[in-house]
N, C-alpha and C. Protein backbone atom coordinates (compact mmCIF):
# COMPACT_ATOMS: atom_id res chain seq x y z
N MET A 1 -113.01 -91.67 -75.17
CA MET A 1 -111.80 -92.23 -74.65
C MET A 1 -111.80 -92.03 -73.13
N THR A 2 -111.59 -93.10 -72.40
CA THR A 2 -111.61 -93.04 -70.95
C THR A 2 -110.25 -92.64 -70.41
N ILE A 3 -110.19 -92.40 -69.12
CA ILE A 3 -108.93 -92.05 -68.48
C ILE A 3 -107.96 -93.22 -68.53
N PHE A 4 -108.48 -94.44 -68.47
CA PHE A 4 -107.62 -95.62 -68.56
C PHE A 4 -107.00 -95.74 -69.95
N ASP A 5 -107.75 -95.38 -70.99
CA ASP A 5 -107.18 -95.37 -72.34
C ASP A 5 -106.04 -94.37 -72.43
N THR A 6 -106.23 -93.21 -71.84
CA THR A 6 -105.19 -92.19 -71.85
C THR A 6 -103.96 -92.65 -71.08
N PHE A 7 -104.17 -93.27 -69.92
CA PHE A 7 -103.04 -93.80 -69.14
C PHE A 7 -102.30 -94.87 -69.94
N PHE A 8 -103.06 -95.78 -70.56
CA PHE A 8 -102.45 -96.84 -71.35
C PHE A 8 -101.59 -96.26 -72.46
N LEU A 9 -102.14 -95.29 -73.19
CA LEU A 9 -101.40 -94.74 -74.32
C LEU A 9 -100.19 -93.93 -73.86
N ASN A 10 -100.27 -93.28 -72.71
CA ASN A 10 -99.11 -92.56 -72.19
C ASN A 10 -97.99 -93.51 -71.82
N VAL A 11 -98.33 -94.62 -71.17
CA VAL A 11 -97.31 -95.61 -70.82
C VAL A 11 -96.75 -96.24 -72.10
N PHE A 12 -97.62 -96.54 -73.04
CA PHE A 12 -97.19 -97.14 -74.30
C PHE A 12 -96.23 -96.21 -75.05
N LYS A 13 -96.59 -94.93 -75.14
CA LYS A 13 -95.74 -93.97 -75.86
C LYS A 13 -94.41 -93.74 -75.15
N HIS A 14 -94.42 -93.84 -73.82
CA HIS A 14 -93.17 -93.64 -73.09
C HIS A 14 -92.19 -94.78 -73.36
N TYR A 15 -92.66 -96.01 -73.38
CA TYR A 15 -91.78 -97.16 -73.54
C TYR A 15 -91.56 -97.57 -75.00
N LYS A 16 -92.29 -97.00 -75.94
CA LYS A 16 -92.17 -97.39 -77.34
C LYS A 16 -90.78 -97.09 -77.92
N PRO A 17 -90.16 -95.94 -77.66
CA PRO A 17 -88.83 -95.70 -78.26
C PRO A 17 -87.74 -96.63 -77.73
N THR A 18 -87.81 -97.01 -76.48
CA THR A 18 -86.74 -97.84 -75.92
C THR A 18 -87.06 -99.33 -75.94
N GLN A 19 -88.30 -99.69 -75.74
CA GLN A 19 -88.72 -101.09 -75.68
C GLN A 19 -89.71 -101.36 -76.81
N LYS A 20 -89.25 -101.42 -78.03
CA LYS A 20 -90.14 -101.50 -79.18
C LYS A 20 -91.12 -102.67 -79.13
N LYS A 21 -90.64 -103.85 -78.81
CA LYS A 21 -91.49 -105.03 -78.84
C LYS A 21 -92.27 -105.24 -77.54
N LYS A 22 -91.78 -104.72 -76.44
CA LYS A 22 -92.41 -104.97 -75.15
C LYS A 22 -93.23 -103.80 -74.64
N ALA A 23 -93.34 -102.73 -75.41
CA ALA A 23 -94.06 -101.54 -74.94
C ALA A 23 -95.54 -101.85 -74.71
N ASN A 24 -96.14 -102.61 -75.58
CA ASN A 24 -97.55 -102.96 -75.41
C ASN A 24 -97.75 -103.86 -74.20
N THR A 25 -96.86 -104.79 -73.98
CA THR A 25 -96.95 -105.69 -72.82
C THR A 25 -96.80 -104.92 -71.51
N ILE A 26 -95.85 -104.00 -71.47
CA ILE A 26 -95.65 -103.19 -70.26
C ILE A 26 -96.89 -102.34 -69.98
N ALA A 27 -97.43 -101.73 -71.02
CA ALA A 27 -98.62 -100.90 -70.85
C ALA A 27 -99.83 -101.75 -70.43
N LEU A 28 -99.94 -102.97 -70.97
CA LEU A 28 -101.03 -103.86 -70.57
C LEU A 28 -100.90 -104.26 -69.10
N TYR A 29 -99.69 -104.60 -68.67
CA TYR A 29 -99.48 -104.94 -67.25
C TYR A 29 -99.80 -103.75 -66.36
N TYR A 30 -99.39 -102.57 -66.80
CA TYR A 30 -99.64 -101.37 -65.99
C TYR A 30 -101.14 -101.12 -65.82
N ILE A 31 -101.88 -101.10 -66.91
CA ILE A 31 -103.30 -100.73 -66.83
C ILE A 31 -104.09 -101.81 -66.11
N SER A 32 -103.73 -103.07 -66.30
CA SER A 32 -104.42 -104.15 -65.58
C SER A 32 -104.14 -104.08 -64.09
N SER A 33 -102.88 -103.81 -63.74
CA SER A 33 -102.53 -103.69 -62.33
C SER A 33 -103.22 -102.50 -61.69
N LEU A 34 -103.30 -101.39 -62.40
CA LEU A 34 -103.96 -100.21 -61.87
C LEU A 34 -105.45 -100.47 -61.63
N GLN A 35 -106.11 -101.06 -62.58
CA GLN A 35 -107.54 -101.34 -62.43
C GLN A 35 -107.79 -102.35 -61.32
N CYS A 36 -106.95 -103.37 -61.23
CA CYS A 36 -107.12 -104.36 -60.15
C CYS A 36 -106.86 -103.74 -58.78
N SER A 37 -105.87 -102.86 -58.69
CA SER A 37 -105.60 -102.22 -57.40
C SER A 37 -106.71 -101.27 -57.00
N LEU A 38 -107.32 -100.61 -57.96
CA LEU A 38 -108.46 -99.74 -57.65
C LEU A 38 -109.68 -100.55 -57.20
N ILE A 39 -109.87 -101.71 -57.81
CA ILE A 39 -110.96 -102.58 -57.37
C ILE A 39 -110.69 -103.10 -55.96
N LEU A 40 -109.43 -103.45 -55.68
CA LEU A 40 -109.05 -103.89 -54.35
C LEU A 40 -109.29 -102.79 -53.33
N LEU A 41 -108.90 -101.57 -53.64
CA LEU A 41 -109.10 -100.44 -52.72
C LEU A 41 -110.59 -100.20 -52.47
N THR A 42 -111.38 -100.24 -53.52
CA THR A 42 -112.82 -100.06 -53.36
C THR A 42 -113.42 -101.17 -52.51
N GLY A 43 -113.03 -102.39 -52.77
CA GLY A 43 -113.54 -103.52 -51.99
C GLY A 43 -113.16 -103.45 -50.53
N VAL A 44 -111.91 -103.06 -50.26
CA VAL A 44 -111.46 -102.96 -48.87
C VAL A 44 -112.23 -101.86 -48.14
N LEU A 45 -112.42 -100.72 -48.80
CA LEU A 45 -113.18 -99.63 -48.18
C LEU A 45 -114.62 -100.03 -47.89
N VAL A 46 -115.25 -100.74 -48.82
CA VAL A 46 -116.64 -101.18 -48.61
C VAL A 46 -116.72 -102.18 -47.47
N VAL A 47 -115.80 -103.13 -47.43
CA VAL A 47 -115.81 -104.14 -46.37
C VAL A 47 -115.59 -103.49 -45.01
N LYS A 48 -114.64 -102.58 -44.92
CA LYS A 48 -114.37 -101.91 -43.64
C LYS A 48 -115.55 -101.04 -43.21
N PHE A 49 -116.20 -100.40 -44.16
CA PHE A 49 -117.39 -99.60 -43.84
C PHE A 49 -118.51 -100.49 -43.32
N LEU A 50 -118.74 -101.60 -43.98
CA LEU A 50 -119.81 -102.50 -43.54
C LEU A 50 -119.48 -103.15 -42.20
N ASP A 51 -118.21 -103.41 -41.93
CA ASP A 51 -117.82 -103.93 -40.61
C ASP A 51 -118.12 -102.92 -39.51
N GLU A 52 -117.85 -101.65 -39.78
CA GLU A 52 -118.12 -100.61 -38.79
C GLU A 52 -119.62 -100.41 -38.57
N MET A 53 -120.42 -100.70 -39.57
CA MET A 53 -121.88 -100.56 -39.46
C MET A 53 -122.52 -101.82 -38.88
N ASN A 54 -121.71 -102.81 -38.52
CA ASN A 54 -122.18 -104.09 -38.00
C ASN A 54 -123.18 -104.75 -38.94
N SER A 55 -122.87 -104.70 -40.19
CA SER A 55 -123.73 -105.28 -41.21
C SER A 55 -123.21 -106.68 -41.57
N LEU A 56 -124.12 -107.53 -41.98
CA LEU A 56 -123.73 -108.86 -42.42
C LEU A 56 -123.09 -108.75 -43.80
N THR A 57 -121.92 -109.33 -43.94
CA THR A 57 -121.22 -109.29 -45.22
C THR A 57 -120.83 -110.70 -45.61
N ILE A 58 -120.21 -110.82 -46.76
CA ILE A 58 -119.73 -112.12 -47.19
C ILE A 58 -118.44 -112.45 -46.44
N SER A 59 -118.09 -113.71 -46.45
CA SER A 59 -116.90 -114.14 -45.72
C SER A 59 -115.64 -113.65 -46.44
N SER A 60 -114.54 -113.71 -45.72
CA SER A 60 -113.27 -113.24 -46.27
C SER A 60 -112.83 -114.08 -47.46
N GLY A 61 -113.01 -115.38 -47.37
CA GLY A 61 -112.63 -116.26 -48.47
C GLY A 61 -113.43 -116.00 -49.73
N LYS A 62 -114.73 -115.76 -49.55
CA LYS A 62 -115.57 -115.46 -50.71
C LYS A 62 -115.22 -114.11 -51.31
N ALA A 63 -114.86 -113.15 -50.47
CA ALA A 63 -114.47 -111.83 -50.97
C ALA A 63 -113.19 -111.91 -51.80
N TRP A 64 -112.21 -112.68 -51.32
CA TRP A 64 -110.98 -112.84 -52.08
C TRP A 64 -111.22 -113.60 -53.38
N SER A 65 -112.14 -114.57 -53.35
CA SER A 65 -112.49 -115.29 -54.59
C SER A 65 -113.14 -114.34 -55.59
N LEU A 66 -114.01 -113.48 -55.10
CA LEU A 66 -114.66 -112.50 -55.97
C LEU A 66 -113.64 -111.53 -56.55
N PHE A 67 -112.68 -111.10 -55.75
CA PHE A 67 -111.62 -110.22 -56.24
C PHE A 67 -110.77 -110.93 -57.31
N ALA A 68 -110.46 -112.20 -57.10
CA ALA A 68 -109.67 -112.95 -58.08
C ALA A 68 -110.41 -113.10 -59.40
N MET A 69 -111.71 -113.38 -59.33
CA MET A 69 -112.50 -113.49 -60.56
C MET A 69 -112.58 -112.15 -61.28
N ALA A 70 -112.78 -111.07 -60.53
CA ALA A 70 -112.84 -109.75 -61.14
C ALA A 70 -111.51 -109.38 -61.78
N SER A 71 -110.40 -109.76 -61.15
CA SER A 71 -109.07 -109.48 -61.70
C SER A 71 -108.85 -110.24 -63.00
N ILE A 72 -109.26 -111.49 -63.04
CA ILE A 72 -109.12 -112.28 -64.27
C ILE A 72 -109.95 -111.67 -65.40
N ILE A 73 -111.15 -111.23 -65.08
CA ILE A 73 -112.00 -110.60 -66.09
C ILE A 73 -111.37 -109.31 -66.59
N ILE A 74 -110.80 -108.51 -65.70
CA ILE A 74 -110.16 -107.26 -66.10
C ILE A 74 -108.96 -107.53 -66.99
N ILE A 75 -108.14 -108.50 -66.63
CA ILE A 75 -106.96 -108.82 -67.43
C ILE A 75 -107.37 -109.29 -68.82
N PHE A 76 -108.37 -110.14 -68.90
CA PHE A 76 -108.83 -110.63 -70.20
C PHE A 76 -109.43 -109.49 -71.02
N LYS A 77 -110.23 -108.63 -70.38
CA LYS A 77 -110.83 -107.49 -71.09
C LYS A 77 -109.77 -106.55 -71.65
N ASN A 78 -108.75 -106.26 -70.85
CA ASN A 78 -107.69 -105.37 -71.31
C ASN A 78 -106.87 -106.01 -72.42
N TRP A 79 -106.63 -107.29 -72.32
CA TRP A 79 -105.89 -107.99 -73.36
C TRP A 79 -106.65 -107.92 -74.69
N MET A 80 -107.96 -108.11 -74.63
CA MET A 80 -108.77 -108.04 -75.85
C MET A 80 -108.86 -106.59 -76.37
N GLN A 81 -108.96 -105.64 -75.46
CA GLN A 81 -109.19 -104.26 -75.87
C GLN A 81 -107.93 -103.59 -76.42
N TYR A 82 -106.79 -103.82 -75.80
CA TYR A 82 -105.60 -103.08 -76.15
C TYR A 82 -104.62 -103.85 -77.03
N SER A 83 -105.03 -104.95 -77.58
CA SER A 83 -104.18 -105.69 -78.50
C SER A 83 -104.75 -105.57 -79.89
N GLY A 84 -103.91 -105.20 -80.82
CA GLY A 84 -104.32 -105.20 -82.21
C GLY A 84 -104.94 -103.92 -82.69
N LYS A 85 -106.03 -104.06 -83.43
CA LYS A 85 -106.62 -102.95 -84.16
C LYS A 85 -107.17 -101.86 -83.25
N ASN A 86 -107.78 -102.24 -82.17
CA ASN A 86 -108.39 -101.25 -81.28
C ASN A 86 -107.34 -100.31 -80.69
N ARG A 87 -106.17 -100.82 -80.37
CA ARG A 87 -105.09 -99.97 -79.86
C ARG A 87 -104.64 -98.97 -80.91
N ARG A 88 -104.56 -99.41 -82.15
CA ARG A 88 -104.17 -98.50 -83.22
C ARG A 88 -105.22 -97.42 -83.44
N VAL A 89 -106.50 -97.77 -83.29
CA VAL A 89 -107.56 -96.78 -83.42
C VAL A 89 -107.47 -95.76 -82.29
N LEU A 90 -107.23 -96.22 -81.07
CA LEU A 90 -107.07 -95.31 -79.93
C LEU A 90 -105.87 -94.40 -80.13
N ASN A 91 -104.78 -94.96 -80.61
CA ASN A 91 -103.58 -94.18 -80.85
C ASN A 91 -103.83 -93.12 -81.92
N ALA A 92 -104.55 -93.47 -82.98
CA ALA A 92 -104.85 -92.51 -84.03
C ALA A 92 -105.79 -91.42 -83.53
N SER A 93 -106.76 -91.77 -82.70
CA SER A 93 -107.68 -90.75 -82.19
C SER A 93 -106.96 -89.82 -81.21
N LEU A 94 -105.99 -90.33 -80.47
CA LEU A 94 -105.23 -89.49 -79.55
C LEU A 94 -104.32 -88.55 -80.34
N ASN A 95 -103.75 -89.03 -81.44
CA ASN A 95 -102.87 -88.19 -82.26
C ASN A 95 -103.65 -87.14 -83.04
N SER A 96 -104.91 -87.40 -83.33
CA SER A 96 -105.70 -86.45 -84.10
C SER A 96 -106.19 -85.28 -83.26
N LYS A 97 -106.22 -85.46 -81.95
CA LYS A 97 -106.62 -84.37 -81.06
C LYS A 97 -105.54 -83.30 -81.05
N LYS A 98 -105.98 -82.06 -80.91
CA LYS A 98 -105.02 -80.96 -80.90
C LYS A 98 -104.19 -80.97 -79.62
N GLN A 99 -104.86 -81.20 -78.49
CA GLN A 99 -104.15 -81.24 -77.22
C GLN A 99 -104.39 -82.59 -76.57
N SER A 100 -103.39 -83.42 -76.58
CA SER A 100 -103.50 -84.69 -75.90
C SER A 100 -102.94 -84.54 -74.49
N GLN A 101 -103.51 -85.25 -73.57
CA GLN A 101 -103.06 -85.17 -72.19
C GLN A 101 -101.85 -86.06 -72.01
N ASN A 102 -100.75 -85.45 -71.67
CA ASN A 102 -99.52 -86.19 -71.40
C ASN A 102 -99.28 -86.19 -69.90
N TYR A 103 -99.15 -87.37 -69.35
CA TYR A 103 -98.89 -87.52 -67.93
C TYR A 103 -97.46 -87.96 -67.73
N ASN A 104 -96.86 -87.50 -66.67
CA ASN A 104 -95.52 -87.90 -66.32
C ASN A 104 -95.53 -89.39 -65.96
N ILE A 105 -94.55 -90.12 -66.47
CA ILE A 105 -94.51 -91.56 -66.23
C ILE A 105 -94.31 -91.87 -64.76
N TRP A 106 -93.57 -91.02 -64.05
CA TRP A 106 -93.36 -91.23 -62.61
C TRP A 106 -94.65 -91.04 -61.85
N MET A 107 -95.48 -90.10 -62.28
CA MET A 107 -96.78 -89.91 -61.63
C MET A 107 -97.69 -91.12 -61.85
N LEU A 108 -97.64 -91.69 -63.05
CA LEU A 108 -98.47 -92.86 -63.33
C LEU A 108 -98.05 -94.05 -62.48
N TRP A 109 -96.75 -94.28 -62.36
CA TRP A 109 -96.28 -95.39 -61.53
C TRP A 109 -96.54 -95.12 -60.05
N ALA A 110 -96.46 -93.84 -59.65
CA ALA A 110 -96.76 -93.49 -58.26
C ALA A 110 -98.24 -93.69 -57.95
N LEU A 111 -99.09 -93.45 -58.94
CA LEU A 111 -100.53 -93.69 -58.77
C LEU A 111 -100.80 -95.17 -58.51
N LEU A 112 -100.15 -96.03 -59.27
CA LEU A 112 -100.31 -97.47 -59.07
C LEU A 112 -99.79 -97.90 -57.70
N LEU A 113 -98.60 -97.47 -57.37
CA LEU A 113 -98.00 -97.83 -56.09
C LEU A 113 -98.81 -97.26 -54.92
N GLY A 114 -99.30 -96.04 -55.08
CA GLY A 114 -100.10 -95.42 -54.02
C GLY A 114 -101.41 -96.14 -53.78
N SER A 115 -102.07 -96.58 -54.83
CA SER A 115 -103.34 -97.29 -54.64
C SER A 115 -103.11 -98.65 -53.99
N ILE A 116 -102.01 -99.31 -54.31
CA ILE A 116 -101.71 -100.60 -53.67
C ILE A 116 -101.37 -100.39 -52.20
N LEU A 117 -100.53 -99.40 -51.91
CA LEU A 117 -100.15 -99.13 -50.52
C LEU A 117 -101.33 -98.68 -49.69
N LEU A 118 -102.19 -97.85 -50.26
CA LEU A 118 -103.38 -97.41 -49.54
C LEU A 118 -104.31 -98.57 -49.23
N SER A 119 -104.43 -99.50 -50.16
CA SER A 119 -105.25 -100.70 -49.93
C SER A 119 -104.69 -101.52 -48.77
N ILE A 120 -103.39 -101.70 -48.76
CA ILE A 120 -102.76 -102.48 -47.69
C ILE A 120 -102.89 -101.77 -46.34
N ILE A 121 -102.71 -100.46 -46.33
CA ILE A 121 -102.82 -99.71 -45.08
C ILE A 121 -104.24 -99.78 -44.52
N VAL A 122 -105.24 -99.59 -45.38
CA VAL A 122 -106.63 -99.65 -44.92
C VAL A 122 -106.98 -101.06 -44.47
N LEU A 123 -106.47 -102.06 -45.17
CA LEU A 123 -106.74 -103.45 -44.79
C LEU A 123 -106.16 -103.77 -43.41
N GLN A 124 -104.99 -103.23 -43.11
CA GLN A 124 -104.33 -103.50 -41.83
C GLN A 124 -104.83 -102.59 -40.71
N ALA A 125 -105.40 -101.44 -41.05
CA ALA A 125 -105.75 -100.43 -40.04
C ALA A 125 -106.86 -100.88 -39.11
N PHE A 126 -107.83 -101.54 -39.61
CA PHE A 126 -108.98 -101.86 -38.76
C PHE A 126 -108.85 -103.25 -38.30
């Protein structure tokens, strides 16, 4: 089980008592947004590093196109992975463990917001 599986299940378990039908959708949006923001942060750091090294890189338009394609792939992968039977298997494996990692929901949302803000700051800094 990856850290993203654990994050997904923590968000899912937090919203399940109050939002019975939308808990899976909220958790899917969260994990997809988190993974896309981490890819954006990684891409921005690599581009800025290569700019400082005076290296030839791809154009800005092509980089944004690559990010959009990667985001679509991530969203589709998460939709396939966390819908249906596989989510129930992950939930059962998390419940069978003696000590499951529970993360504060505010920390999880702050992680998402922090990665987005850090990406924007690094993008604007140079």
